[in-house]
């Protein structure tokens, strides 16, 4: 991939996001709702003020806040990691940004609000790498972004942590890819194998621009 236009600003954005998730890992086990609300408030500030926001300048000027489902404790689980899976690499074109490759490295099994569930966990190929967990579900289209949402993207700082040998999946932190906000972005969407059969009514809802909201 080509170097970004403003790499220093992008590095600062990523550090800020990483710090936000570090705070979540520290406080969410004891104060889950408070930690989630603080995270969402800080994310609104980033979207409204930072030059690396996925919103363009006009959108930022009109932006108030993102739309979320209420926080619910049953959407947070610790998933078992099964590493004995067929490793398959997917290559995704990102238009002018080159190609994005992810490899299935594990299967995650968990029970989400009473529903037995399974998702594939991916590794972003390239220098350094990182865990990546996109997913789709029954809410996509009517209530959430049609292409699915992200839960983990360790390269970008989105890291919910671990409990022993299990990985934390807190769908209260599910968020939209950048292409949900503006067509200038091209994003890797969730593979079909990572579609949950039910609606995940947690995390970020569809982005509605201020003009449309009014």
N, C-alpha and C. Protein backbone atom coordinates (compact mmCIF):
# COMPACT_ATOMS: atom_id res chain seq x y z
N UNK A 1 0.83 -1.19 0.00
CA UNK A 1 0.00 0.00 0.00
C UNK A 1 0.87 1.25 0.00
N UNK A 2 0.37 2.31 -0.63
CA UNK A 2 1.11 3.56 -0.69
C UNK A 2 1.10 4.26 0.66
N UNK A 3 2.13 5.08 0.89
CA UNK A 3 2.16 5.86 2.13
C UNK A 3 0.99 6.82 2.16
N UNK A 4 0.36 7.03 3.33
CA UNK A 4 -0.78 7.95 3.42
C UNK A 4 -0.34 9.39 3.17
N UNK A 5 -1.29 10.23 2.85
CA UNK A 5 -0.98 11.62 2.55
C UNK A 5 -0.44 12.35 3.77
N UNK A 6 -0.96 12.02 4.94
CA UNK A 6 -0.51 12.68 6.17
C UNK A 6 -0.20 11.60 7.21
N UNK A 7 0.95 10.94 7.10
CA UNK A 7 1.25 9.79 7.96
C UNK A 7 1.35 10.14 9.44
N UNK A 8 1.84 11.33 9.78
CA UNK A 8 1.98 11.70 11.19
C UNK A 8 0.60 11.85 11.83
N UNK A 9 -0.32 12.50 11.12
CA UNK A 9 -1.67 12.65 11.64
C UNK A 9 -2.36 11.30 11.78
N UNK A 10 -2.14 10.41 10.82
CA UNK A 10 -2.73 9.08 10.89
C UNK A 10 -2.16 8.30 12.08
N UNK A 11 -0.86 8.41 12.31
CA UNK A 11 -0.25 7.74 13.45
C UNK A 11 -0.84 8.25 14.76
N UNK A 12 -1.09 9.55 14.84
CA UNK A 12 -1.68 10.14 16.04
C UNK A 12 -3.11 9.63 16.25
N UNK A 13 -3.87 9.52 15.16
CA UNK A 13 -5.24 8.98 15.23
C UNK A 13 -5.21 7.55 15.78
N UNK A 14 -4.31 6.73 15.23
CA UNK A 14 -4.25 5.34 15.65
C UNK A 14 -3.81 5.21 17.11
N UNK A 15 -2.90 6.06 17.52
CA UNK A 15 -2.47 6.02 18.92
C UNK A 15 -3.62 6.39 19.85
N UNK A 16 -4.41 7.39 19.45
CA UNK A 16 -5.55 7.79 20.26
C UNK A 16 -6.57 6.66 20.37
N UNK A 17 -6.85 6.00 19.24
CA UNK A 17 -7.79 4.87 19.25
C UNK A 17 -7.26 3.74 20.14
N UNK A 18 -5.97 3.45 20.00
CA UNK A 18 -5.37 2.40 20.83
C UNK A 18 -5.48 2.73 22.31
N UNK A 19 -5.29 4.00 22.67
CA UNK A 19 -5.43 4.42 24.06
C UNK A 19 -6.86 4.25 24.55
N UNK A 20 -7.83 4.55 23.67
CA UNK A 20 -9.23 4.39 24.03
C UNK A 20 -9.55 2.93 24.33
N UNK A 21 -9.05 2.02 23.51
CA UNK A 21 -9.31 0.60 23.73
C UNK A 21 -8.54 0.09 24.95
N UNK A 22 -7.38 0.66 25.22
CA UNK A 22 -6.65 0.28 26.43
C UNK A 22 -7.48 0.62 27.68
N UNK A 23 -8.12 1.77 27.65
CA UNK A 23 -9.00 2.18 28.76
C UNK A 23 -10.19 1.24 28.88
N UNK A 24 -10.74 0.82 27.75
CA UNK A 24 -11.85 -0.14 27.76
C UNK A 24 -11.42 -1.46 28.41
N UNK A 25 -10.26 -1.96 28.01
CA UNK A 25 -9.78 -3.23 28.59
C UNK A 25 -9.57 -3.10 30.09
N UNK A 26 -9.18 -1.93 30.53
CA UNK A 26 -8.90 -1.72 31.95
C UNK A 26 -10.18 -1.61 32.78
N UNK A 27 -11.20 -0.92 32.24
CA UNK A 27 -12.36 -0.58 33.06
C UNK A 27 -13.63 -1.38 32.76
N UNK A 28 -13.75 -1.95 31.55
CA UNK A 28 -15.02 -2.59 31.21
C UNK A 28 -15.34 -3.83 32.06
N UNK A 29 -14.35 -4.62 32.56
CA UNK A 29 -14.74 -5.76 33.39
C UNK A 29 -15.49 -5.37 34.66
N UNK A 30 -15.16 -4.21 35.26
CA UNK A 30 -15.78 -3.79 36.51
C UNK A 30 -16.91 -2.78 36.30
N UNK A 31 -16.77 -1.91 35.29
CA UNK A 31 -17.77 -0.87 35.03
C UNK A 31 -18.12 -0.88 33.54
N UNK A 32 -18.78 -1.94 33.08
CA UNK A 32 -18.97 -2.10 31.64
C UNK A 32 -19.77 -0.99 30.97
N UNK A 33 -20.88 -0.58 31.58
CA UNK A 33 -21.70 0.45 30.94
C UNK A 33 -20.99 1.81 30.94
N UNK A 34 -20.39 2.15 32.06
CA UNK A 34 -19.68 3.43 32.15
C UNK A 34 -18.52 3.47 31.17
N UNK A 35 -17.77 2.38 31.06
CA UNK A 35 -16.64 2.34 30.13
C UNK A 35 -17.11 2.48 28.69
N UNK A 36 -18.23 1.84 28.37
CA UNK A 36 -18.75 1.90 27.01
C UNK A 36 -19.22 3.31 26.66
N UNK A 37 -19.92 3.96 27.57
CA UNK A 37 -20.41 5.32 27.30
C UNK A 37 -19.25 6.30 27.16
N UNK A 38 -18.20 6.13 27.97
CA UNK A 38 -17.03 7.00 27.86
C UNK A 38 -16.33 6.80 26.52
N UNK A 39 -16.24 5.55 26.09
CA UNK A 39 -15.63 5.24 24.80
C UNK A 39 -16.41 5.89 23.66
N UNK A 40 -17.72 5.77 23.70
CA UNK A 40 -18.54 6.33 22.64
C UNK A 40 -18.43 7.85 22.59
N UNK A 41 -18.38 8.48 23.74
CA UNK A 41 -18.22 9.93 23.79
C UNK A 41 -16.88 10.37 23.19
N UNK A 42 -15.82 9.64 23.55
CA UNK A 42 -14.49 9.97 23.01
C UNK A 42 -14.45 9.74 21.51
N UNK A 43 -15.13 8.72 21.03
CA UNK A 43 -15.15 8.44 19.59
C UNK A 43 -15.89 9.53 18.83
N UNK A 44 -16.96 10.06 19.41
CA UNK A 44 -17.66 11.18 18.78
C UNK A 44 -16.75 12.40 18.63
N UNK A 45 -15.94 12.66 19.65
CA UNK A 45 -15.01 13.79 19.58
C UNK A 45 -14.01 13.58 18.44
N UNK A 46 -13.48 12.38 18.32
CA UNK A 46 -12.55 12.08 17.23
C UNK A 46 -13.20 12.30 15.87
N UNK A 47 -14.39 11.78 15.70
CA UNK A 47 -15.07 11.91 14.42
C UNK A 47 -15.36 13.37 14.08
N UNK A 48 -15.64 14.17 15.09
CA UNK A 48 -16.01 15.56 14.87
C UNK A 48 -14.82 16.47 14.66
N UNK A 49 -13.66 16.13 15.24
CA UNK A 49 -12.56 17.09 15.29
C UNK A 49 -11.28 16.66 14.59
N UNK A 50 -11.07 15.37 14.40
CA UNK A 50 -9.75 14.94 13.93
C UNK A 50 -9.68 14.94 12.40
N UNK A 51 -8.56 15.40 11.82
CA UNK A 51 -8.43 15.42 10.36
C UNK A 51 -8.43 14.03 9.73
N UNK A 52 -8.14 12.97 10.51
CA UNK A 52 -8.18 11.61 9.98
C UNK A 52 -9.55 10.95 10.16
N UNK A 53 -10.54 11.71 10.59
CA UNK A 53 -11.90 11.19 10.70
C UNK A 53 -12.35 10.64 9.35
N UNK A 54 -13.12 9.54 9.35
CA UNK A 54 -13.67 9.06 8.08
C UNK A 54 -14.68 10.03 7.47
N UNK A 55 -15.12 11.01 8.24
CA UNK A 55 -16.02 12.04 7.73
C UNK A 55 -15.22 13.12 7.01
N UNK A 56 -15.76 13.64 5.91
CA UNK A 56 -15.07 14.74 5.25
C UNK A 56 -15.35 16.05 6.00
N UNK A 57 -14.75 17.13 5.55
CA UNK A 57 -14.84 18.40 6.28
C UNK A 57 -16.28 18.87 6.44
N UNK A 58 -17.08 18.74 5.38
CA UNK A 58 -18.47 19.16 5.47
C UNK A 58 -19.27 18.31 6.43
N UNK A 59 -19.02 17.00 6.41
CA UNK A 59 -19.72 16.11 7.34
C UNK A 59 -19.34 16.42 8.78
N UNK A 60 -18.06 16.70 9.02
CA UNK A 60 -17.62 17.00 10.38
C UNK A 60 -18.28 18.26 10.92
N UNK A 61 -18.46 19.24 10.06
CA UNK A 61 -19.07 20.50 10.50
C UNK A 61 -20.51 20.29 10.96
N UNK A 62 -21.20 19.31 10.35
CA UNK A 62 -22.60 19.07 10.69
C UNK A 62 -22.79 17.94 11.69
N UNK A 63 -21.70 17.27 12.05
CA UNK A 63 -21.78 16.06 12.86
C UNK A 63 -22.08 16.36 14.32
N UNK A 64 -22.95 15.53 14.90
CA UNK A 64 -23.25 15.64 16.32
C UNK A 64 -22.74 14.39 17.05
N UNK A 65 -23.27 13.23 16.69
CA UNK A 65 -22.84 11.99 17.34
C UNK A 65 -23.25 10.80 16.49
N UNK A 66 -22.57 9.68 16.73
CA UNK A 66 -22.94 8.42 16.09
C UNK A 66 -24.13 7.81 16.82
N UNK A 67 -24.79 6.89 16.16
CA UNK A 67 -25.99 6.28 16.72
C UNK A 67 -25.66 4.85 17.17
N UNK A 68 -26.00 4.52 18.39
CA UNK A 68 -25.69 3.21 18.97
C UNK A 68 -26.93 2.57 19.59
N UNK A 69 -26.90 1.26 19.65
CA UNK A 69 -27.85 0.53 20.49
C UNK A 69 -27.48 0.77 21.96
N UNK A 70 -28.45 0.65 22.87
CA UNK A 70 -28.10 0.74 24.30
C UNK A 70 -27.14 -0.39 24.69
N UNK A 71 -26.30 -0.11 25.66
CA UNK A 71 -25.37 -1.12 26.15
C UNK A 71 -26.14 -2.23 26.86
N UNK A 72 -25.79 -3.49 26.53
CA UNK A 72 -26.39 -4.65 27.19
C UNK A 72 -25.28 -5.65 27.51
N UNK A 73 -25.26 -6.14 28.75
CA UNK A 73 -24.16 -6.98 29.20
C UNK A 73 -24.09 -8.33 28.48
N UNK A 74 -25.21 -8.86 27.96
CA UNK A 74 -25.19 -10.19 27.35
C UNK A 74 -24.44 -10.21 26.03
N UNK A 75 -24.13 -9.04 25.48
CA UNK A 75 -23.41 -8.99 24.21
C UNK A 75 -21.90 -9.07 24.40
N UNK A 76 -21.44 -9.20 25.62
CA UNK A 76 -20.01 -9.36 25.90
C UNK A 76 -19.74 -10.81 26.29
N UNK A 77 -18.82 -11.47 25.57
CA UNK A 77 -18.49 -12.87 25.84
C UNK A 77 -16.99 -13.06 25.71
N UNK A 78 -16.51 -14.17 26.28
CA UNK A 78 -15.14 -14.62 26.06
C UNK A 78 -15.23 -15.88 25.20
N UNK A 79 -14.70 -15.81 23.99
CA UNK A 79 -14.86 -16.89 23.01
C UNK A 79 -13.69 -17.85 23.04
N UNK A 80 -13.98 -19.12 22.88
CA UNK A 80 -12.93 -20.14 22.76
C UNK A 80 -12.29 -20.03 21.38
N UNK A 81 -10.98 -20.24 21.34
CA UNK A 81 -10.22 -20.12 20.09
C UNK A 81 -9.79 -21.51 19.64
N UNK A 82 -10.28 -21.92 18.47
CA UNK A 82 -9.91 -23.20 17.88
C UNK A 82 -8.98 -22.94 16.70
N UNK A 83 -7.69 -23.26 16.89
CA UNK A 83 -6.69 -22.94 15.86
C UNK A 83 -6.60 -24.00 14.77
N UNK A 84 -7.25 -25.14 14.95
CA UNK A 84 -7.18 -26.19 13.94
C UNK A 84 -8.23 -25.95 12.86
N UNK A 85 -7.94 -25.01 11.99
CA UNK A 85 -8.83 -24.67 10.88
C UNK A 85 -8.04 -24.69 9.58
N UNK A 86 -8.76 -24.77 8.49
CA UNK A 86 -8.13 -24.66 7.18
C UNK A 86 -7.75 -23.21 6.93
N UNK A 87 -6.48 -22.94 6.78
CA UNK A 87 -6.02 -21.56 6.57
C UNK A 87 -6.22 -21.16 5.11
N UNK A 88 -7.07 -20.20 4.92
CA UNK A 88 -7.38 -19.71 3.58
C UNK A 88 -7.14 -18.21 3.54
N UNK A 89 -6.42 -17.75 2.52
CA UNK A 89 -6.13 -16.32 2.38
C UNK A 89 -7.06 -15.70 1.35
N UNK A 90 -7.66 -14.59 1.74
CA UNK A 90 -8.54 -13.84 0.84
C UNK A 90 -7.85 -12.55 0.43
N UNK A 91 -7.93 -12.23 -0.85
CA UNK A 91 -7.32 -11.00 -1.38
C UNK A 91 -8.44 -10.05 -1.78
N UNK A 92 -8.42 -8.86 -1.19
CA UNK A 92 -9.50 -7.89 -1.38
C UNK A 92 -8.91 -6.62 -1.98
N UNK A 93 -9.46 -6.20 -3.11
CA UNK A 93 -8.98 -4.98 -3.77
C UNK A 93 -9.48 -3.75 -3.02
N UNK A 94 -8.57 -2.80 -2.78
CA UNK A 94 -8.92 -1.54 -2.13
C UNK A 94 -8.73 -0.38 -3.10
N UNK A 95 -9.02 -0.60 -4.37
CA UNK A 95 -8.94 0.42 -5.41
C UNK A 95 -7.55 1.05 -5.42
N UNK A 96 -7.45 2.38 -5.20
CA UNK A 96 -6.16 3.07 -5.28
C UNK A 96 -5.21 2.69 -4.16
N UNK A 97 -5.72 2.01 -3.13
CA UNK A 97 -4.90 1.64 -1.97
C UNK A 97 -4.29 0.26 -2.10
N UNK A 98 -4.40 -0.35 -3.29
CA UNK A 98 -3.78 -1.65 -3.48
C UNK A 98 -4.67 -2.80 -3.04
N UNK A 99 -4.05 -3.82 -2.46
CA UNK A 99 -4.75 -5.04 -2.10
C UNK A 99 -4.61 -5.32 -0.61
N UNK A 100 -5.68 -5.86 -0.05
CA UNK A 100 -5.75 -6.19 1.37
C UNK A 100 -5.92 -7.70 1.47
N UNK A 101 -5.01 -8.37 2.16
CA UNK A 101 -5.07 -9.82 2.27
C UNK A 101 -5.28 -10.23 3.72
N UNK A 102 -6.24 -11.13 3.94
CA UNK A 102 -6.48 -11.66 5.28
C UNK A 102 -6.50 -13.19 5.20
N UNK A 103 -6.00 -13.82 6.25
CA UNK A 103 -5.96 -15.28 6.31
C UNK A 103 -6.75 -15.78 7.50
N UNK A 104 -7.65 -16.74 7.26
CA UNK A 104 -8.37 -17.36 8.36
C UNK A 104 -7.38 -18.13 9.22
N UNK A 105 -7.34 -17.82 10.54
CA UNK A 105 -6.37 -18.45 11.42
C UNK A 105 -7.01 -19.24 12.55
N UNK A 106 -8.29 -19.02 12.81
CA UNK A 106 -8.94 -19.71 13.93
C UNK A 106 -10.45 -19.62 13.79
N UNK A 107 -11.13 -20.49 14.52
CA UNK A 107 -12.58 -20.42 14.66
C UNK A 107 -12.88 -20.03 16.10
N UNK A 108 -13.80 -19.11 16.26
CA UNK A 108 -14.22 -18.66 17.59
C UNK A 108 -15.60 -19.22 17.88
N UNK A 109 -15.76 -19.87 19.03
CA UNK A 109 -17.06 -20.40 19.43
C UNK A 109 -17.47 -19.77 20.74
N UNK A 110 -18.76 -19.43 20.84
CA UNK A 110 -19.26 -18.70 22.01
C UNK A 110 -20.78 -18.74 22.00
N UNK A 111 -21.37 -18.37 23.12
CA UNK A 111 -22.83 -18.25 23.23
C UNK A 111 -23.15 -16.79 23.45
N UNK A 112 -23.93 -16.23 22.53
CA UNK A 112 -24.21 -14.79 22.53
C UNK A 112 -25.68 -14.57 22.84
N UNK A 113 -25.95 -14.03 24.01
CA UNK A 113 -27.34 -13.80 24.45
C UNK A 113 -28.18 -15.06 24.27
N UNK A 114 -27.61 -16.19 24.67
CA UNK A 114 -28.32 -17.46 24.64
C UNK A 114 -28.24 -18.21 23.32
N UNK A 115 -27.53 -17.66 22.32
CA UNK A 115 -27.45 -18.29 21.00
C UNK A 115 -26.04 -18.84 20.76
N UNK A 116 -25.89 -20.16 20.56
CA UNK A 116 -24.59 -20.71 20.20
C UNK A 116 -24.12 -20.11 18.87
N UNK A 117 -22.86 -19.65 18.82
CA UNK A 117 -22.38 -18.90 17.65
C UNK A 117 -20.95 -19.30 17.30
N UNK A 118 -20.60 -18.97 16.06
CA UNK A 118 -19.26 -19.28 15.56
C UNK A 118 -18.85 -18.23 14.54
N UNK A 119 -17.63 -17.74 14.63
CA UNK A 119 -17.07 -16.80 13.67
C UNK A 119 -15.63 -17.20 13.36
N UNK A 120 -15.18 -16.86 12.17
CA UNK A 120 -13.77 -17.05 11.82
C UNK A 120 -12.98 -15.81 12.23
N UNK A 121 -11.78 -16.05 12.73
CA UNK A 121 -10.86 -14.98 13.09
C UNK A 121 -9.77 -14.93 12.02
N UNK A 122 -9.40 -13.71 11.62
CA UNK A 122 -8.45 -13.53 10.52
C UNK A 122 -7.19 -12.80 11.00
N UNK A 123 -6.13 -12.98 10.20
CA UNK A 123 -4.88 -12.27 10.40
C UNK A 123 -4.62 -11.42 9.17
N UNK A 124 -4.34 -10.15 9.37
CA UNK A 124 -4.03 -9.25 8.26
C UNK A 124 -2.60 -9.53 7.81
N UNK A 125 -2.44 -9.90 6.55
CA UNK A 125 -1.11 -10.19 6.03
C UNK A 125 -0.33 -8.90 5.81
N UNK A 126 0.98 -9.00 5.84
CA UNK A 126 1.82 -7.82 5.68
C UNK A 126 2.69 -7.62 6.88
N UNK A 127 3.54 -6.66 6.83
CA UNK A 127 4.52 -6.42 7.90
C UNK A 127 3.81 -6.17 9.23
N UNK A 128 4.16 -6.95 10.25
CA UNK A 128 3.55 -6.76 11.57
C UNK A 128 2.27 -7.54 11.75
N UNK A 129 1.39 -7.50 10.75
CA UNK A 129 0.13 -8.23 10.82
C UNK A 129 -0.77 -7.73 11.94
N UNK A 130 -1.85 -8.46 12.18
CA UNK A 130 -2.77 -8.10 13.25
C UNK A 130 -4.06 -8.87 13.14
N UNK A 131 -4.74 -9.09 14.26
CA UNK A 131 -6.02 -9.79 14.28
C UNK A 131 -7.11 -8.91 13.68
N UNK A 132 -8.01 -9.53 12.93
CA UNK A 132 -9.08 -8.81 12.25
C UNK A 132 -10.35 -9.65 12.35
N UNK A 133 -11.43 -9.04 12.84
CA UNK A 133 -12.69 -9.77 12.99
C UNK A 133 -13.85 -8.93 12.46
N UNK A 134 -14.20 -9.12 11.18
CA UNK A 134 -15.42 -8.52 10.64
C UNK A 134 -16.57 -9.52 10.81
N UNK A 135 -17.79 -9.01 10.85
CA UNK A 135 -18.94 -9.92 10.92
C UNK A 135 -20.16 -9.24 10.31
N UNK A 136 -21.09 -10.07 9.89
CA UNK A 136 -22.38 -9.61 9.41
C UNK A 136 -23.46 -10.30 10.23
N UNK A 137 -24.68 -9.76 10.20
CA UNK A 137 -25.75 -10.35 11.00
C UNK A 137 -27.10 -9.90 10.46
N UNK A 138 -28.16 -10.34 11.11
CA UNK A 138 -29.51 -10.07 10.64
C UNK A 138 -29.96 -8.64 10.73
N UNK A 139 -29.20 -7.78 11.39
CA UNK A 139 -29.57 -6.37 11.48
C UNK A 139 -29.07 -5.56 10.29
N UNK A 140 -28.18 -6.14 9.47
CA UNK A 140 -27.58 -5.39 8.36
C UNK A 140 -28.64 -4.99 7.34
N UNK A 141 -28.63 -3.73 6.98
CA UNK A 141 -29.62 -3.22 6.03
C UNK A 141 -30.66 -2.38 6.72
N UNK A 142 -31.57 -2.99 7.49
CA UNK A 142 -32.60 -2.17 8.14
C UNK A 142 -32.08 -1.29 9.27
N UNK A 143 -31.11 -1.76 10.03
CA UNK A 143 -30.68 -1.00 11.21
C UNK A 143 -29.20 -0.72 11.26
N UNK A 144 -28.39 -1.58 10.65
CA UNK A 144 -26.94 -1.38 10.67
C UNK A 144 -26.40 -1.41 9.25
N UNK A 145 -25.14 -1.06 9.09
CA UNK A 145 -24.54 -0.97 7.76
C UNK A 145 -24.67 -2.29 7.01
N UNK A 146 -25.10 -2.22 5.75
CA UNK A 146 -25.41 -3.41 4.98
C UNK A 146 -24.24 -4.34 4.74
N UNK A 147 -23.01 -3.80 4.73
CA UNK A 147 -21.83 -4.61 4.48
C UNK A 147 -21.26 -5.28 5.71
N UNK A 148 -21.91 -5.10 6.86
CA UNK A 148 -21.40 -5.68 8.10
C UNK A 148 -20.57 -4.70 8.90
N UNK A 149 -20.10 -5.16 10.05
CA UNK A 149 -19.34 -4.30 10.96
C UNK A 149 -18.06 -5.00 11.39
N UNK A 150 -17.22 -4.27 12.13
CA UNK A 150 -15.97 -4.81 12.65
C UNK A 150 -16.06 -4.91 14.17
N UNK A 151 -15.31 -5.88 14.72
CA UNK A 151 -15.21 -6.01 16.17
C UNK A 151 -13.76 -5.88 16.62
N UNK A 152 -12.85 -6.45 15.85
CA UNK A 152 -11.41 -6.36 16.12
C UNK A 152 -10.70 -5.87 14.86
N UNK A 153 -9.77 -4.97 15.01
CA UNK A 153 -8.81 -4.61 13.95
C UNK A 153 -7.56 -4.12 14.67
N UNK A 154 -6.72 -5.08 15.07
CA UNK A 154 -5.60 -4.76 15.95
C UNK A 154 -4.62 -3.78 15.33
N UNK A 155 -4.45 -3.80 14.01
CA UNK A 155 -3.55 -2.84 13.36
C UNK A 155 -4.03 -1.41 13.60
N UNK A 156 -5.35 -1.22 13.61
CA UNK A 156 -5.92 0.12 13.83
C UNK A 156 -6.13 0.44 15.31
N UNK A 157 -5.73 -0.47 16.20
CA UNK A 157 -5.86 -0.21 17.63
C UNK A 157 -7.10 -0.79 18.27
N UNK A 158 -8.02 -1.37 17.47
CA UNK A 158 -9.26 -1.94 18.00
C UNK A 158 -8.97 -3.33 18.56
N UNK A 159 -8.70 -3.38 19.85
CA UNK A 159 -8.23 -4.60 20.53
C UNK A 159 -8.97 -4.71 21.85
N UNK A 160 -9.89 -5.70 21.94
CA UNK A 160 -10.74 -5.85 23.13
C UNK A 160 -10.12 -6.74 24.21
N UNK A 161 -8.98 -7.37 23.90
CA UNK A 161 -8.25 -8.10 24.91
C UNK A 161 -8.61 -9.58 25.02
N UNK A 162 -8.03 -10.22 26.04
CA UNK A 162 -8.19 -11.65 26.26
C UNK A 162 -8.50 -11.90 27.73
N UNK A 163 -9.13 -13.05 27.98
CA UNK A 163 -9.34 -13.57 29.33
C UNK A 163 -8.73 -14.96 29.34
N UNK A 164 -7.53 -15.09 29.88
CA UNK A 164 -6.82 -16.35 29.81
C UNK A 164 -6.52 -16.69 28.35
N UNK A 165 -6.95 -17.88 27.92
CA UNK A 165 -6.72 -18.28 26.53
C UNK A 165 -7.93 -17.99 25.65
N UNK A 166 -8.88 -17.22 26.14
CA UNK A 166 -10.06 -16.85 25.36
C UNK A 166 -9.97 -15.39 24.90
N UNK A 167 -10.63 -15.09 23.78
CA UNK A 167 -10.61 -13.75 23.22
C UNK A 167 -11.92 -13.03 23.56
N UNK A 168 -11.82 -11.78 23.97
CA UNK A 168 -13.01 -11.01 24.34
C UNK A 168 -13.72 -10.50 23.09
N UNK A 169 -15.01 -10.80 23.01
CA UNK A 169 -15.87 -10.27 21.96
C UNK A 169 -16.97 -9.46 22.65
N UNK A 170 -16.90 -8.16 22.54
CA UNK A 170 -17.93 -7.30 23.14
C UNK A 170 -18.62 -6.56 22.00
N UNK A 171 -19.79 -7.04 21.62
CA UNK A 171 -20.49 -6.49 20.47
C UNK A 171 -21.08 -5.11 20.75
N UNK A 172 -21.03 -4.66 22.00
CA UNK A 172 -21.37 -3.27 22.29
C UNK A 172 -20.40 -2.31 21.61
N UNK A 173 -19.22 -2.84 21.21
CA UNK A 173 -18.21 -2.02 20.54
C UNK A 173 -18.15 -2.30 19.04
N UNK A 174 -19.11 -3.03 18.49
CA UNK A 174 -19.14 -3.26 17.05
C UNK A 174 -19.24 -1.92 16.34
N UNK A 175 -18.43 -1.74 15.31
CA UNK A 175 -18.40 -0.43 14.64
C UNK A 175 -18.38 -0.57 13.13
N UNK A 176 -18.76 0.51 12.46
CA UNK A 176 -18.86 0.51 11.01
C UNK A 176 -17.49 0.67 10.35
N UNK A 177 -17.29 0.05 9.19
CA UNK A 177 -16.09 0.36 8.40
C UNK A 177 -16.22 1.78 7.84
N UNK A 178 -15.10 2.36 7.45
CA UNK A 178 -15.09 3.76 7.00
C UNK A 178 -16.01 4.00 5.81
N UNK A 179 -16.19 2.98 4.94
CA UNK A 179 -17.03 3.17 3.76
C UNK A 179 -18.50 3.37 4.11
N UNK A 180 -18.89 3.13 5.35
CA UNK A 180 -20.28 3.37 5.77
C UNK A 180 -20.59 4.86 5.88
N UNK A 181 -19.54 5.69 5.97
CA UNK A 181 -19.73 7.12 6.19
C UNK A 181 -19.58 7.95 4.93
N UNK A 182 -18.75 7.47 4.00
CA UNK A 182 -18.44 8.29 2.83
C UNK A 182 -17.95 7.38 1.70
N UNK A 183 -18.47 7.55 0.47
CA UNK A 183 -18.08 6.67 -0.64
C UNK A 183 -16.64 6.81 -1.09
N UNK A 184 -15.91 7.80 -0.55
CA UNK A 184 -14.50 7.93 -0.93
C UNK A 184 -13.66 6.80 -0.35
N UNK A 185 -14.21 6.05 0.63
CA UNK A 185 -13.49 4.95 1.25
C UNK A 185 -13.86 3.62 0.61
N UNK A 186 -12.89 2.73 0.50
CA UNK A 186 -13.13 1.36 0.06
C UNK A 186 -12.65 0.45 1.19
N UNK A 187 -13.53 -0.43 1.67
CA UNK A 187 -13.21 -1.21 2.86
C UNK A 187 -13.40 -2.70 2.62
N UNK A 188 -12.64 -3.55 3.29
CA UNK A 188 -12.91 -4.98 3.26
C UNK A 188 -14.18 -5.28 4.07
N UNK A 189 -15.12 -5.96 3.44
CA UNK A 189 -16.37 -6.29 4.11
C UNK A 189 -16.32 -7.71 4.67
N UNK A 190 -17.33 -8.07 5.42
CA UNK A 190 -17.33 -9.37 6.09
C UNK A 190 -17.49 -10.51 5.09
N UNK A 191 -16.63 -11.53 5.17
CA UNK A 191 -16.84 -12.73 4.34
C UNK A 191 -18.16 -13.41 4.70
N UNK A 192 -18.73 -14.13 3.75
CA UNK A 192 -20.02 -14.77 3.95
C UNK A 192 -19.99 -15.74 5.13
N UNK A 193 -18.84 -16.39 5.36
CA UNK A 193 -18.75 -17.36 6.46
C UNK A 193 -18.89 -16.69 7.83
N UNK A 194 -18.76 -15.39 7.89
CA UNK A 194 -18.87 -14.69 9.16
C UNK A 194 -20.21 -13.97 9.33
N UNK A 195 -21.24 -14.56 8.76
CA UNK A 195 -22.59 -14.02 8.94
C UNK A 195 -23.31 -14.79 10.03
N UNK A 196 -23.74 -14.07 11.08
CA UNK A 196 -24.56 -14.65 12.14
C UNK A 196 -26.01 -14.66 11.69
N UNK A 197 -26.74 -15.70 12.05
CA UNK A 197 -28.10 -15.90 11.54
C UNK A 197 -29.14 -15.02 12.22
N UNK A 198 -28.75 -14.32 13.26
CA UNK A 198 -29.69 -13.49 14.02
C UNK A 198 -29.21 -12.04 14.01
N UNK A 199 -30.07 -11.16 14.48
CA UNK A 199 -29.74 -9.73 14.53
C UNK A 199 -28.92 -9.43 15.78
N UNK A 200 -27.76 -8.82 15.60
CA UNK A 200 -26.94 -8.38 16.72
C UNK A 200 -27.33 -6.93 17.02
N UNK A 201 -28.23 -6.76 17.97
CA UNK A 201 -28.73 -5.43 18.30
C UNK A 201 -27.84 -4.80 19.36
N UNK A 202 -26.61 -4.56 18.94
CA UNK A 202 -25.58 -4.01 19.83
C UNK A 202 -24.59 -3.23 18.99
N UNK A 203 -23.92 -2.28 19.64
CA UNK A 203 -22.91 -1.52 18.94
C UNK A 203 -23.48 -0.42 18.08
N UNK A 204 -22.72 -0.06 17.04
CA UNK A 204 -23.06 1.09 16.20
C UNK A 204 -24.16 0.75 15.19
N UNK A 205 -25.11 1.67 15.05
CA UNK A 205 -26.16 1.55 14.04
C UNK A 205 -25.68 2.19 12.74
N UNK A 206 -26.58 2.20 11.74
CA UNK A 206 -26.28 2.84 10.47
C UNK A 206 -25.99 4.32 10.68
N UNK A 207 -25.07 4.85 9.88
CA UNK A 207 -24.74 6.26 9.92
C UNK A 207 -25.76 7.03 9.10
N UNK A 208 -26.37 8.04 9.72
CA UNK A 208 -27.35 8.88 9.05
C UNK A 208 -26.80 10.30 9.02
N UNK A 209 -26.44 10.80 7.82
CA UNK A 209 -25.91 12.18 7.75
C UNK A 209 -26.89 13.19 8.32
N UNK A 210 -26.34 14.29 8.83
CA UNK A 210 -27.16 15.28 9.52
C UNK A 210 -28.30 15.80 8.64
N UNK A 211 -28.03 16.01 7.34
CA UNK A 211 -29.06 16.54 6.46
C UNK A 211 -30.22 15.57 6.33
N UNK A 212 -29.88 14.26 6.22
CA UNK A 212 -30.92 13.24 6.11
C UNK A 212 -31.67 13.09 7.42
N UNK A 213 -30.91 13.21 8.54
CA UNK A 213 -31.55 13.07 9.85
C UNK A 213 -32.55 14.17 10.09
N UNK A 214 -32.28 15.36 9.55
CA UNK A 214 -33.19 16.47 9.76
C UNK A 214 -34.40 16.37 8.88
